[in-house]
Amino acid sequence: MGNQILAALGFYIIFSIFGFIGLPFARKLFSGTLTVYVAAKILGLIVFGYFVWLLASFNILDYQNYSLLLGLFILCAAAGIYFSRDFFANEYTQGKKKGGKSDQSSSIKKIVILEGVTVSLFLGYLFI
């Protein structure tokens, strides 16, 4: 039972890290903090999957080499964090310009609620 809980937690954390990979792409495609945040995880999964597939199709990467895949995943996540490091900082400064801290805190509150709903749905799925 303990291993299953750790595996589920690991799955959720890894899926959340895909959000950092997709965040720079989502920022270019969408406007609005919540829309960008929602699309970032899916775009990160698509971009990373395509990148791995492309490298494997040219026989540069082997799917069986998990340490290389992990290193590539960490590298892509670090690059995503670097290129989107000002995502929340820009939202904070825009919130200050629009009328104070309430605009920025409402975006963060919506993101926290969204993550709560996502975790609840994930736990419900695991229960079923």
N, C-alpha and C. Protein backbone atom coordinates (compact mmCIF):
# COMPACT_ATOMS: atom_id res chain seq x y z
N MET A 1 0.82 -1.20 0.00
CA MET A 1 0.00 0.00 0.00
C MET A 1 0.86 1.26 0.00
N GLY A 2 1.95 1.23 0.77
CA GLY A 2 2.83 2.39 0.84
C GLY A 2 3.52 2.68 -0.48
N ASN A 3 3.90 1.61 -1.20
CA ASN A 3 4.54 1.79 -2.50
C ASN A 3 3.57 2.38 -3.52
N GLN A 4 2.31 2.00 -3.43
CA GLN A 4 1.32 2.54 -4.35
C GLN A 4 1.09 4.02 -4.12
N ILE A 5 1.08 4.43 -2.87
CA ILE A 5 0.90 5.84 -2.54
C ILE A 5 2.09 6.65 -3.04
N LEU A 6 3.30 6.12 -2.82
CA LEU A 6 4.49 6.82 -3.32
C LEU A 6 4.51 6.89 -4.84
N ALA A 7 4.07 5.84 -5.51
CA ALA A 7 4.02 5.85 -6.97
C ALA A 7 3.01 6.88 -7.47
N ALA A 8 1.85 6.97 -6.82
CA ALA A 8 0.84 7.96 -7.21
C ALA A 8 1.34 9.37 -6.95
N LEU A 9 2.00 9.58 -5.83
CA LEU A 9 2.55 10.90 -5.52
C LEU A 9 3.64 11.26 -6.52
N GLY A 10 4.49 10.31 -6.85
CA GLY A 10 5.54 10.54 -7.84
C GLY A 10 4.97 10.88 -9.20
N PHE A 11 3.90 10.18 -9.60
CA PHE A 11 3.25 10.47 -10.87
C PHE A 11 2.72 11.90 -10.90
N TYR A 12 2.06 12.32 -9.83
CA TYR A 12 1.50 13.67 -9.78
C TYR A 12 2.60 14.73 -9.81
N ILE A 13 3.68 14.48 -9.09
CA ILE A 13 4.78 15.45 -9.06
C ILE A 13 5.43 15.57 -10.44
N ILE A 14 5.67 14.43 -11.08
CA ILE A 14 6.28 14.47 -12.41
C ILE A 14 5.36 15.16 -13.40
N PHE A 15 4.07 14.87 -13.35
CA PHE A 15 3.13 15.54 -14.24
C PHE A 15 3.11 17.04 -13.97
N SER A 16 3.25 17.44 -12.72
CA SER A 16 3.29 18.87 -12.39
C SER A 16 4.57 19.52 -12.92
N ILE A 17 5.67 18.79 -12.92
CA ILE A 17 6.93 19.34 -13.44
C ILE A 17 6.85 19.57 -14.94
N PHE A 18 6.02 18.77 -15.63
CA PHE A 18 5.82 19.03 -17.06
C PHE A 18 5.27 20.42 -17.29
N GLY A 19 4.60 20.99 -16.30
CA GLY A 19 4.10 22.35 -16.40
C GLY A 19 5.22 23.36 -16.59
N PHE A 20 6.36 23.13 -15.95
CA PHE A 20 7.49 24.04 -16.13
C PHE A 20 8.05 23.95 -17.54
N ILE A 21 8.01 22.75 -18.12
CA ILE A 21 8.50 22.60 -19.49
C ILE A 21 7.58 23.32 -20.46
N GLY A 22 6.29 23.24 -20.25
CA GLY A 22 5.33 23.85 -21.17
C GLY A 22 5.01 25.30 -20.90
N LEU A 23 5.43 25.84 -19.78
CA LEU A 23 5.07 27.21 -19.42
C LEU A 23 5.57 28.26 -20.42
N PRO A 24 6.80 28.18 -20.91
CA PRO A 24 7.21 29.19 -21.91
C PRO A 24 6.38 29.12 -23.19
N PHE A 25 5.99 27.91 -23.60
CA PHE A 25 5.17 27.77 -24.81
C PHE A 25 3.76 28.27 -24.57
N ALA A 26 3.21 27.96 -23.41
CA ALA A 26 1.85 28.39 -23.10
C ALA A 26 1.76 29.91 -22.99
N ARG A 27 2.81 30.53 -22.49
CA ARG A 27 2.81 31.99 -22.38
C ARG A 27 2.76 32.66 -23.74
N LYS A 28 3.37 32.02 -24.74
CA LYS A 28 3.35 32.57 -26.10
C LYS A 28 2.00 32.35 -26.78
N LEU A 29 1.32 31.26 -26.43
CA LEU A 29 0.07 30.91 -27.11
C LEU A 29 -1.17 31.50 -26.47
N PHE A 30 -1.17 31.68 -25.15
CA PHE A 30 -2.38 32.08 -24.44
C PHE A 30 -2.12 33.33 -23.61
N SER A 31 -3.22 34.00 -23.27
CA SER A 31 -3.13 35.13 -22.34
C SER A 31 -3.94 34.79 -21.10
N GLY A 32 -3.61 35.41 -20.03
CA GLY A 32 -4.29 35.14 -18.77
C GLY A 32 -3.55 34.09 -17.97
N THR A 33 -3.33 34.38 -16.72
CA THR A 33 -2.53 33.51 -15.86
C THR A 33 -3.12 32.12 -15.72
N LEU A 34 -4.40 32.03 -15.49
CA LEU A 34 -5.03 30.73 -15.27
C LEU A 34 -5.01 29.88 -16.54
N THR A 35 -5.29 30.47 -17.67
CA THR A 35 -5.26 29.74 -18.94
C THR A 35 -3.87 29.22 -19.24
N VAL A 36 -2.87 30.05 -19.02
CA VAL A 36 -1.49 29.64 -19.25
C VAL A 36 -1.12 28.51 -18.32
N TYR A 37 -1.51 28.61 -17.07
CA TYR A 37 -1.16 27.59 -16.08
C TYR A 37 -1.81 26.25 -16.42
N VAL A 38 -3.06 26.27 -16.85
CA VAL A 38 -3.76 25.04 -17.20
C VAL A 38 -3.14 24.39 -18.44
N ALA A 39 -2.84 25.19 -19.44
CA ALA A 39 -2.31 24.65 -20.70
C ALA A 39 -0.85 24.22 -20.58
N ALA A 40 -0.13 24.73 -19.61
CA ALA A 40 1.31 24.47 -19.51
C ALA A 40 1.63 23.00 -19.28
N LYS A 41 0.88 22.32 -18.44
CA LYS A 41 1.17 20.91 -18.16
C LYS A 41 0.98 20.04 -19.39
N ILE A 42 -0.10 20.26 -20.09
CA ILE A 42 -0.37 19.46 -21.28
C ILE A 42 0.63 19.78 -22.38
N LEU A 43 0.92 21.06 -22.58
CA LEU A 43 1.92 21.43 -23.58
C LEU A 43 3.30 20.89 -23.22
N GLY A 44 3.63 20.89 -21.94
CA GLY A 44 4.92 20.34 -21.52
C GLY A 44 5.02 18.86 -21.82
N LEU A 45 3.95 18.13 -21.58
CA LEU A 45 3.93 16.71 -21.89
C LEU A 45 4.06 16.47 -23.38
N ILE A 46 3.36 17.26 -24.18
CA ILE A 46 3.43 17.13 -25.64
C ILE A 46 4.81 17.48 -26.16
N VAL A 47 5.37 18.60 -25.70
CA VAL A 47 6.68 19.04 -26.18
C VAL A 47 7.77 18.04 -25.78
N PHE A 48 7.76 17.60 -24.54
CA PHE A 48 8.78 16.65 -24.10
C PHE A 48 8.63 15.32 -24.82
N GLY A 49 7.40 14.85 -24.96
CA GLY A 49 7.17 13.59 -25.67
C GLY A 49 7.61 13.67 -27.12
N TYR A 50 7.33 14.78 -27.77
CA TYR A 50 7.75 14.95 -29.16
C TYR A 50 9.27 15.01 -29.26
N PHE A 51 9.89 15.71 -28.34
CA PHE A 51 11.35 15.84 -28.33
C PHE A 51 12.01 14.48 -28.14
N VAL A 52 11.50 13.68 -27.22
CA VAL A 52 12.04 12.35 -26.98
C VAL A 52 11.80 11.46 -28.20
N TRP A 53 10.60 11.53 -28.77
CA TRP A 53 10.30 10.74 -29.96
C TRP A 53 11.22 11.12 -31.12
N LEU A 54 11.44 12.42 -31.30
CA LEU A 54 12.30 12.88 -32.39
C LEU A 54 13.73 12.37 -32.21
N LEU A 55 14.25 12.47 -31.00
CA LEU A 55 15.60 11.97 -30.74
C LEU A 55 15.68 10.45 -30.92
N ALA A 56 14.65 9.74 -30.53
CA ALA A 56 14.64 8.29 -30.69
C ALA A 56 14.49 7.89 -32.15
N SER A 57 13.75 8.66 -32.92
CA SER A 57 13.57 8.32 -34.33
C SER A 57 14.85 8.51 -35.13
N PHE A 58 15.72 9.40 -34.69
CA PHE A 58 17.03 9.58 -35.33
C PHE A 58 18.11 8.70 -34.70
N ASN A 59 17.69 7.77 -33.85
CA ASN A 59 18.59 6.84 -33.15
C ASN A 59 19.64 7.57 -32.30
N ILE A 60 19.28 8.71 -31.75
CA ILE A 60 20.15 9.46 -30.84
C ILE A 60 19.88 9.04 -29.41
N LEU A 61 18.64 8.70 -29.12
CA LEU A 61 18.20 8.36 -27.77
C LEU A 61 17.56 6.99 -27.78
N ASP A 62 17.85 6.22 -26.75
CA ASP A 62 17.24 4.91 -26.58
C ASP A 62 16.19 4.99 -25.48
N TYR A 63 14.99 4.50 -25.77
CA TYR A 63 13.91 4.54 -24.78
C TYR A 63 14.24 3.73 -23.52
N GLN A 64 15.10 2.75 -23.64
CA GLN A 64 15.41 1.87 -22.51
C GLN A 64 16.43 2.49 -21.55
N ASN A 65 17.07 3.56 -21.93
CA ASN A 65 18.08 4.20 -21.09
C ASN A 65 17.37 5.22 -20.18
N TYR A 66 16.93 4.75 -19.02
CA TYR A 66 16.14 5.59 -18.13
C TYR A 66 16.96 6.73 -17.52
N SER A 67 18.23 6.51 -17.28
CA SER A 67 19.04 7.59 -16.70
C SER A 67 19.20 8.73 -17.70
N LEU A 68 19.32 8.41 -18.98
CA LEU A 68 19.40 9.46 -19.99
C LEU A 68 18.08 10.20 -20.13
N LEU A 69 16.97 9.47 -20.07
CA LEU A 69 15.66 10.11 -20.11
C LEU A 69 15.44 11.01 -18.90
N LEU A 70 15.88 10.55 -17.73
CA LEU A 70 15.75 11.36 -16.52
C LEU A 70 16.60 12.63 -16.64
N GLY A 71 17.82 12.49 -17.14
CA GLY A 71 18.67 13.65 -17.33
C GLY A 71 18.08 14.64 -18.32
N LEU A 72 17.49 14.13 -19.40
CA LEU A 72 16.84 14.99 -20.38
C LEU A 72 15.63 15.69 -19.78
N PHE A 73 14.87 14.95 -18.96
CA PHE A 73 13.71 15.54 -18.30
C PHE A 73 14.13 16.66 -17.36
N ILE A 74 15.17 16.43 -16.58
CA ILE A 74 15.67 17.45 -15.65
C ILE A 74 16.18 18.66 -16.41
N LEU A 75 16.89 18.42 -17.51
CA LEU A 75 17.40 19.52 -18.33
C LEU A 75 16.27 20.34 -18.92
N CYS A 76 15.25 19.67 -19.44
CA CYS A 76 14.10 20.39 -20.01
C CYS A 76 13.33 21.16 -18.94
N ALA A 77 13.17 20.57 -17.76
CA ALA A 77 12.48 21.26 -16.67
C ALA A 77 13.27 22.47 -16.21
N ALA A 78 14.60 22.32 -16.11
CA ALA A 78 15.43 23.47 -15.71
C ALA A 78 15.37 24.58 -16.75
N ALA A 79 15.37 24.22 -18.02
CA ALA A 79 15.25 25.23 -19.08
C ALA A 79 13.89 25.92 -19.01
N GLY A 80 12.85 25.14 -18.76
CA GLY A 80 11.52 25.73 -18.63
C GLY A 80 11.42 26.68 -17.46
N ILE A 81 12.02 26.29 -16.34
CA ILE A 81 12.02 27.17 -15.16
C ILE A 81 12.80 28.45 -15.46
N TYR A 82 13.93 28.30 -16.16
CA TYR A 82 14.74 29.48 -16.49
C TYR A 82 13.98 30.43 -17.41
N PHE A 83 13.35 29.91 -18.44
CA PHE A 83 12.66 30.78 -19.40
C PHE A 83 11.34 31.32 -18.89
N SER A 84 10.80 30.75 -17.83
CA SER A 84 9.54 31.25 -17.29
C SER A 84 9.69 31.74 -15.86
N ARG A 85 10.89 32.09 -15.47
CA ARG A 85 11.13 32.48 -14.07
C ARG A 85 10.40 33.75 -13.68
N ASP A 86 10.03 34.56 -14.65
CA ASP A 86 9.34 35.81 -14.33
C ASP A 86 7.82 35.71 -14.51
N PHE A 87 7.29 34.49 -14.65
CA PHE A 87 5.86 34.32 -14.88
C PHE A 87 5.03 34.91 -13.74
N PHE A 88 5.31 34.49 -12.52
CA PHE A 88 4.56 35.00 -11.39
C PHE A 88 5.00 36.40 -11.00
N ALA A 89 6.26 36.74 -11.26
CA ALA A 89 6.73 38.09 -10.95
C ALA A 89 6.03 39.10 -11.85
N ASN A 90 5.87 38.79 -13.13
CA ASN A 90 5.15 39.70 -14.03
C ASN A 90 3.70 39.82 -13.64
N GLU A 91 3.10 38.73 -13.22
CA GLU A 91 1.71 38.77 -12.80
C GLU A 91 1.56 39.65 -11.56
N TYR A 92 2.56 39.59 -10.67
CA TYR A 92 2.52 40.41 -9.48
C TYR A 92 2.62 41.89 -9.82
N THR A 93 3.55 42.25 -10.71
CA THR A 93 3.70 43.66 -11.07
C THR A 93 2.51 44.15 -11.86
N GLN A 94 1.90 43.30 -12.71
CA GLN A 94 0.70 43.70 -13.44
C GLN A 94 -0.46 43.88 -12.47
N GLY A 95 -0.52 43.05 -11.44
CA GLY A 95 -1.57 43.19 -10.44
C GLY A 95 -1.43 44.50 -9.69
N LYS A 96 -0.19 44.91 -9.41
CA LYS A 96 0.04 46.20 -8.74
C LYS A 96 -0.42 47.35 -9.62
N LYS A 97 -0.17 47.24 -10.94
CA LYS A 97 -0.56 48.31 -11.85
C LYS A 97 -2.08 48.38 -12.01
N LYS A 98 -2.73 47.22 -11.98
CA LYS A 98 -4.18 47.19 -12.21
C LYS A 98 -4.98 47.67 -11.01
N GLY A 99 -4.42 47.61 -9.86
CA GLY A 99 -5.22 48.08 -8.76
C GLY A 99 -4.87 47.46 -7.43
N GLY A 100 -3.69 46.96 -7.30
CA GLY A 100 -3.28 46.48 -6.00
C GLY A 100 -3.06 45.00 -5.93
N LYS A 101 -2.91 44.56 -4.71
CA LYS A 101 -2.54 43.18 -4.43
C LYS A 101 -3.69 42.21 -4.67
N SER A 102 -4.91 42.68 -4.69
CA SER A 102 -6.04 41.78 -4.80
C SER A 102 -6.08 41.07 -6.14
N ASP A 103 -5.68 41.72 -7.24
CA ASP A 103 -5.67 41.08 -8.55
C ASP A 103 -4.67 39.94 -8.58
N GLN A 104 -3.50 40.18 -8.02
CA GLN A 104 -2.45 39.15 -8.01
C GLN A 104 -2.84 38.01 -7.08
N SER A 105 -3.38 38.32 -5.93
CA SER A 105 -3.75 37.26 -5.00
C SER A 105 -4.94 36.46 -5.52
N SER A 106 -5.82 37.08 -6.30
CA SER A 106 -6.94 36.32 -6.85
C SER A 106 -6.45 35.33 -7.90
N SER A 107 -5.41 35.68 -8.67
CA SER A 107 -4.85 34.73 -9.64
C SER A 107 -4.22 33.55 -8.91
N ILE A 108 -3.48 33.83 -7.87
CA ILE A 108 -2.86 32.75 -7.10
C ILE A 108 -3.93 31.91 -6.41
N LYS A 109 -4.97 32.56 -5.91
CA LYS A 109 -6.06 31.82 -5.27
C LYS A 109 -6.76 30.89 -6.26
N LYS A 110 -6.95 31.37 -7.49
CA LYS A 110 -7.57 30.53 -8.52
C LYS A 110 -6.68 29.34 -8.87
N ILE A 111 -5.37 29.56 -8.92
CA ILE A 111 -4.43 28.47 -9.21
C ILE A 111 -4.45 27.44 -8.09
N VAL A 112 -4.50 27.89 -6.85
CA VAL A 112 -4.54 26.97 -5.71
C VAL A 112 -5.85 26.17 -5.74
N ILE A 113 -6.96 26.82 -6.06
CA ILE A 113 -8.24 26.11 -6.16
C ILE A 113 -8.18 25.09 -7.30
N LEU A 114 -7.60 25.48 -8.42
CA LEU A 114 -7.46 24.57 -9.55
C LEU A 114 -6.63 23.35 -9.19
N GLU A 115 -5.53 23.56 -8.48
CA GLU A 115 -4.70 22.43 -8.05
C GLU A 115 -5.46 21.56 -7.06
N GLY A 116 -6.25 22.16 -6.19
CA GLY A 116 -7.06 21.38 -5.25
C GLY A 116 -8.08 20.51 -5.96
N VAL A 117 -8.73 21.06 -6.97
CA VAL A 117 -9.68 20.28 -7.76
C VAL A 117 -8.96 19.16 -8.50
N THR A 118 -7.80 19.47 -9.06
CA THR A 118 -7.03 18.46 -9.79
C THR A 118 -6.61 17.32 -8.87
N VAL A 119 -6.12 17.65 -7.70
CA VAL A 119 -5.72 16.61 -6.74
C VAL A 119 -6.93 15.80 -6.30
N SER A 120 -8.05 16.46 -6.08
CA SER A 120 -9.26 15.74 -5.67
C SER A 120 -9.72 14.77 -6.76
N LEU A 121 -9.70 15.22 -8.01
CA LEU A 121 -10.08 14.33 -9.10
C LEU A 121 -9.10 13.18 -9.25
N PHE A 122 -7.82 13.46 -9.08
CA PHE A 122 -6.81 12.41 -9.17
C PHE A 122 -7.00 11.39 -8.06
N LEU A 123 -7.25 11.84 -6.84
CA LEU A 123 -7.49 10.92 -5.72
C LEU A 123 -8.78 10.13 -5.93
N GLY A 124 -9.80 10.78 -6.46
CA GLY A 124 -11.03 10.06 -6.76
C GLY A 124 -10.82 8.99 -7.81
N TYR A 125 -10.03 9.30 -8.83
CA TYR A 125 -9.70 8.32 -9.85
C TYR A 125 -8.95 7.15 -9.25
N LEU A 126 -8.00 7.43 -8.37
CA LEU A 126 -7.23 6.37 -7.74
C LEU A 126 -8.12 5.49 -6.84
N PHE A 127 -9.09 6.11 -6.20
CA PHE A 127 -10.00 5.35 -5.34
C PHE A 127 -10.86 4.39 -6.16
N ILE A 128 -11.33 4.89 -7.30
CA ILE A 128 -12.18 4.05 -8.17
C ILE A 128 -11.35 2.94 -8.75
